[in-house]
Amino acid sequence: MFCRPRPNKVLPAVMHPEKNCVNHTFTTYEVPHIHPQHTTTVNNIQYQHKHYFPQTQSAVDNVTNQQFNCGGGQAGPGGPGFGPRPRPPFGLY
């Protein structure tokens, strides 16, 4: 058996408020900025004049010797503290 389709019931349309859409487009522009630069190399040369004054050092010992003849009473040569002292012969030191 063949059934006939029922007609759909169409209700009235519901209107909604308008939606406003905004499309943004972007375009990029390149602007070249030229900054010229110059480099100068300065070579600095320095001479260091170093003066040296070498110095040596020595020491000297000055030795003095004094002989006193304090005189004496009436004692003759050879007495204690009186008269010249005999010198030892060479080579016996």
C-alpha atoms as a PDB file:
ATOM      1  CA  MET A   1       0.000   0.000   0.000  1.00  0.00           C
ATOM      2  CA  PHE A   2       1.221   3.340  -0.992  1.00  0.00           C
ATOM      3  CA  CYS A   3       1.060   6.242   1.524  1.00  0.00           C
ATOM      4  CA  ARG A   4       0.851   9.763   0.429  1.00  0.00           C
ATOM      5  CA  PRO A   5       3.319  12.098   2.217  1.00  0.00           C
ATOM      6  CA  ARG A   6       1.860  14.613   4.443  1.00  0.00           C
ATOM      7  CA  PRO A   7       2.545  18.194   3.628  1.00  0.00           C
ATOM      8  CA  ASN A   8       4.986  19.869   6.047  1.00  0.00           C
ATOM      9  CA  LYS A   9       3.544  22.619   8.031  1.00  0.00           C
ATOM     10  CA  VAL A  10       5.622  25.792   7.596  1.00  0.00           C
ATOM     11  CA  LEU A  11       5.531  28.219  10.428  1.00  0.00           C
ATOM     12  CA  PRO A  12       6.113  31.923   9.965  1.00  0.00           C
ATOM     13  CA  ALA A  13       9.777  33.010   9.826  1.00  0.00           C
ATOM     14  CA  VAL A  14      11.410  34.449  12.913  1.00  0.00           C
ATOM     15  CA  MET A  15      13.348  37.622  12.099  1.00  0.00           C
ATOM     16  CA  HIS A  16      16.440  38.304  14.175  1.00  0.00           C
ATOM     17  CA  PRO A  17      18.212  41.651  14.420  1.00  0.00           C
ATOM     18  CA  GLU A  18      20.780  42.283  11.705  1.00  0.00           C
ATOM     19  CA  LYS A  19      24.286  41.226  12.555  1.00  0.00           C
ATOM     20  CA  ASN A  20      26.869  43.713  11.317  1.00  0.00           C
ATOM     21  CA  CYS A  21      30.223  42.141  10.372  1.00  0.00           C
ATOM     22  CA  VAL A  22      33.377  44.198   9.658  1.00  0.00           C
ATOM     23  CA  ASN A  23      36.212  42.808   7.608  1.00  0.00           C
ATOM     24  CA  HIS A  24      39.630  44.386   8.178  1.00  0.00           C
ATOM     25  CA  THR A  25      42.254  44.200   5.475  1.00  0.00           C
ATOM     26  CA  PHE A  26      45.901  45.058   6.079  1.00  0.00           C
ATOM     27  CA  THR A  27      48.530  46.142   3.624  1.00  0.00           C
ATOM     28  CA  THR A  28      52.173  46.450   4.634  1.00  0.00           C
ATOM     29  CA  TYR A  29      54.434  49.013   3.020  1.00  0.00           C
ATOM     30  CA  GLU A  30      58.183  48.869   3.556  1.00  0.00           C
ATOM     31  CA  VAL A  31      59.936  52.229   3.897  1.00  0.00           C
ATOM     32  CA  PRO A  32      63.735  51.911   3.632  1.00  0.00           C
ATOM     33  CA  HIS A  33      65.739  54.140   5.985  1.00  0.00           C
ATOM     34  CA  ILE A  34      69.410  54.521   5.046  1.00  0.00           C
ATOM     35  CA  HIS A  35      71.859  55.428   7.813  1.00  0.00           C
ATOM     36  CA  PRO A  36      75.331  55.867   6.277  1.00  0.00           C
ATOM     37  CA  GLN A  37      78.268  54.959   8.492  1.00  0.00           C
ATOM     38  CA  HIS A  38      82.004  55.376   8.094  1.00  0.00           C
ATOM     39  CA  THR A  39      84.636  53.661  10.245  1.00  0.00           C
ATOM     40  CA  THR A  40      88.154  55.049  10.591  1.00  0.00           C
ATOM     41  CA  THR A  41      90.813  52.826  12.118  1.00  0.00           C
ATOM     42  CA  VAL A  42      93.347  54.793  14.164  1.00  0.00           C
ATOM     43  CA  ASN A  43      96.557  52.873  14.840  1.00  0.00           C
ATOM     44  CA  ASN A  44      98.173  54.251  17.989  1.00  0.00           C
ATOM     45  CA  ILE A  45     101.863  53.549  18.409  1.00  0.00           C
ATOM     46  CA  GLN A  46     103.546  54.268  21.704  1.00  0.00           C
ATOM     47  CA  TYR A  47     107.264  54.203  22.405  1.00  0.00           C
ATOM     48  CA  GLN A  48     108.209  53.670  26.018  1.00  0.00           C
ATOM     49  CA  HIS A  49     111.691  54.940  26.695  1.00  0.00           C
ATOM     50  CA  LYS A  50     112.866  53.141  29.800  1.00  0.00           C
ATOM     51  CA  HIS A  51     116.082  54.364  31.387  1.00  0.00           C
ATOM     52  CA  TYR A  52     117.989  52.069  33.691  1.00  0.00           C
ATOM     53  CA  PHE A  53     120.700  53.118  36.093  1.00  0.00           C
ATOM     54  CA  PRO A  54     122.468  50.007  37.343  1.00  0.00           C
ATOM     55  CA  GLN A  55     124.389  50.671  40.492  1.00  0.00           C
ATOM     56  CA  THR A  56     126.800  48.576  42.470  1.00  0.00           C
ATOM     57  CA  GLN A  57     127.585  48.980  46.108  1.00  0.00           C
ATOM     58  CA  SER A  58     130.582  48.161  48.196  1.00  0.00           C
ATOM     59  CA  ALA A  59     131.668  48.647  51.780  1.00  0.00           C
ATOM     60  CA  VAL A  60     135.028  49.724  53.108  1.00  0.00           C
ATOM     61  CA  ASP A  61     136.153  49.150  56.671  1.00  0.00           C
ATOM     62  CA  ASN A  62     138.629  51.735  57.763  1.00  0.00           C
ATOM     63  CA  VAL A  63     140.746  50.558  60.657  1.00  0.00           C
ATOM     64  CA  THR A  64     143.041  52.863  62.510  1.00  0.00           C
ATOM     65  CA  ASN A  65     145.633  52.076  65.094  1.00  0.00           C
ATOM     66  CA  GLN A  66     147.163  54.440  67.554  1.00  0.00           C
ATOM     67  CA  GLN A  67     150.173  53.806  69.714  1.00  0.00           C
ATOM     68  CA  PHE A  68     150.651  55.807  72.864  1.00  0.00           C
ATOM     69  CA  ASN A  69     153.782  56.038  74.881  1.00  0.00           C
ATOM     70  CA  CYS A  70     152.456  57.036  78.229  1.00  0.00           C
ATOM     71  CA  GLY A  71     155.890  57.645  79.617  1.00  0.00           C
ATOM     72  CA  GLY A  72     157.017  56.048  82.726  1.00  0.00           C
ATOM     73  CA  GLY A  73     158.703  56.825  85.870  1.00  0.00           C
ATOM     74  CA  GLN A  74     162.365  56.209  86.353  1.00  0.00           C
ATOM     75  CA  ALA A  75     162.144  52.541  85.367  1.00  0.00           C
ATOM     76  CA  GLY A  76     164.378  51.411  82.608  1.00  0.00           C
ATOM     77  CA  PRO A  77     163.648  49.537  79.440  1.00  0.00           C
ATOM     78  CA  GLY A  78     161.927  46.188  79.768  1.00  0.00           C
ATOM     79  CA  GLY A  79     159.819  47.163  82.752  1.00  0.00           C
ATOM     80  CA  PRO A  80     156.080  46.567  82.733  1.00  0.00           C
ATOM     81  CA  GLY A  81     154.316  48.993  80.388  1.00  0.00           C
ATOM     82  CA  PHE A  82     157.457  50.841  79.530  1.00  0.00           C
ATOM     83  CA  GLY A  83     159.493  50.902  76.391  1.00  0.00           C
ATOM     84  CA  PRO A  84     158.903  49.512  72.928  1.00  0.00           C
ATOM     85  CA  ARG A  85     157.552  46.062  72.473  1.00  0.00           C
ATOM     86  CA  PRO A  86     159.751  43.755  70.442  1.00  0.00           C
ATOM     87  CA  ARG A  87     158.384  42.745  67.063  1.00  0.00           C
ATOM     88  CA  PRO A  88     158.014  39.035  66.237  1.00  0.00           C
ATOM     89  CA  PRO A  89     160.113  37.837  63.327  1.00  0.00           C
ATOM     90  CA  PHE A  90     158.484  37.596  59.870  1.00  0.00           C
ATOM     91  CA  GLY A  91     156.691  34.341  58.989  1.00  0.00           C
ATOM     92  CA  LEU A  92     155.784  33.388  62.545  1.00  0.00           C
ATOM     93  CA  TYR A  93     152.233  34.595  62.538  1.00  0.00           C
END
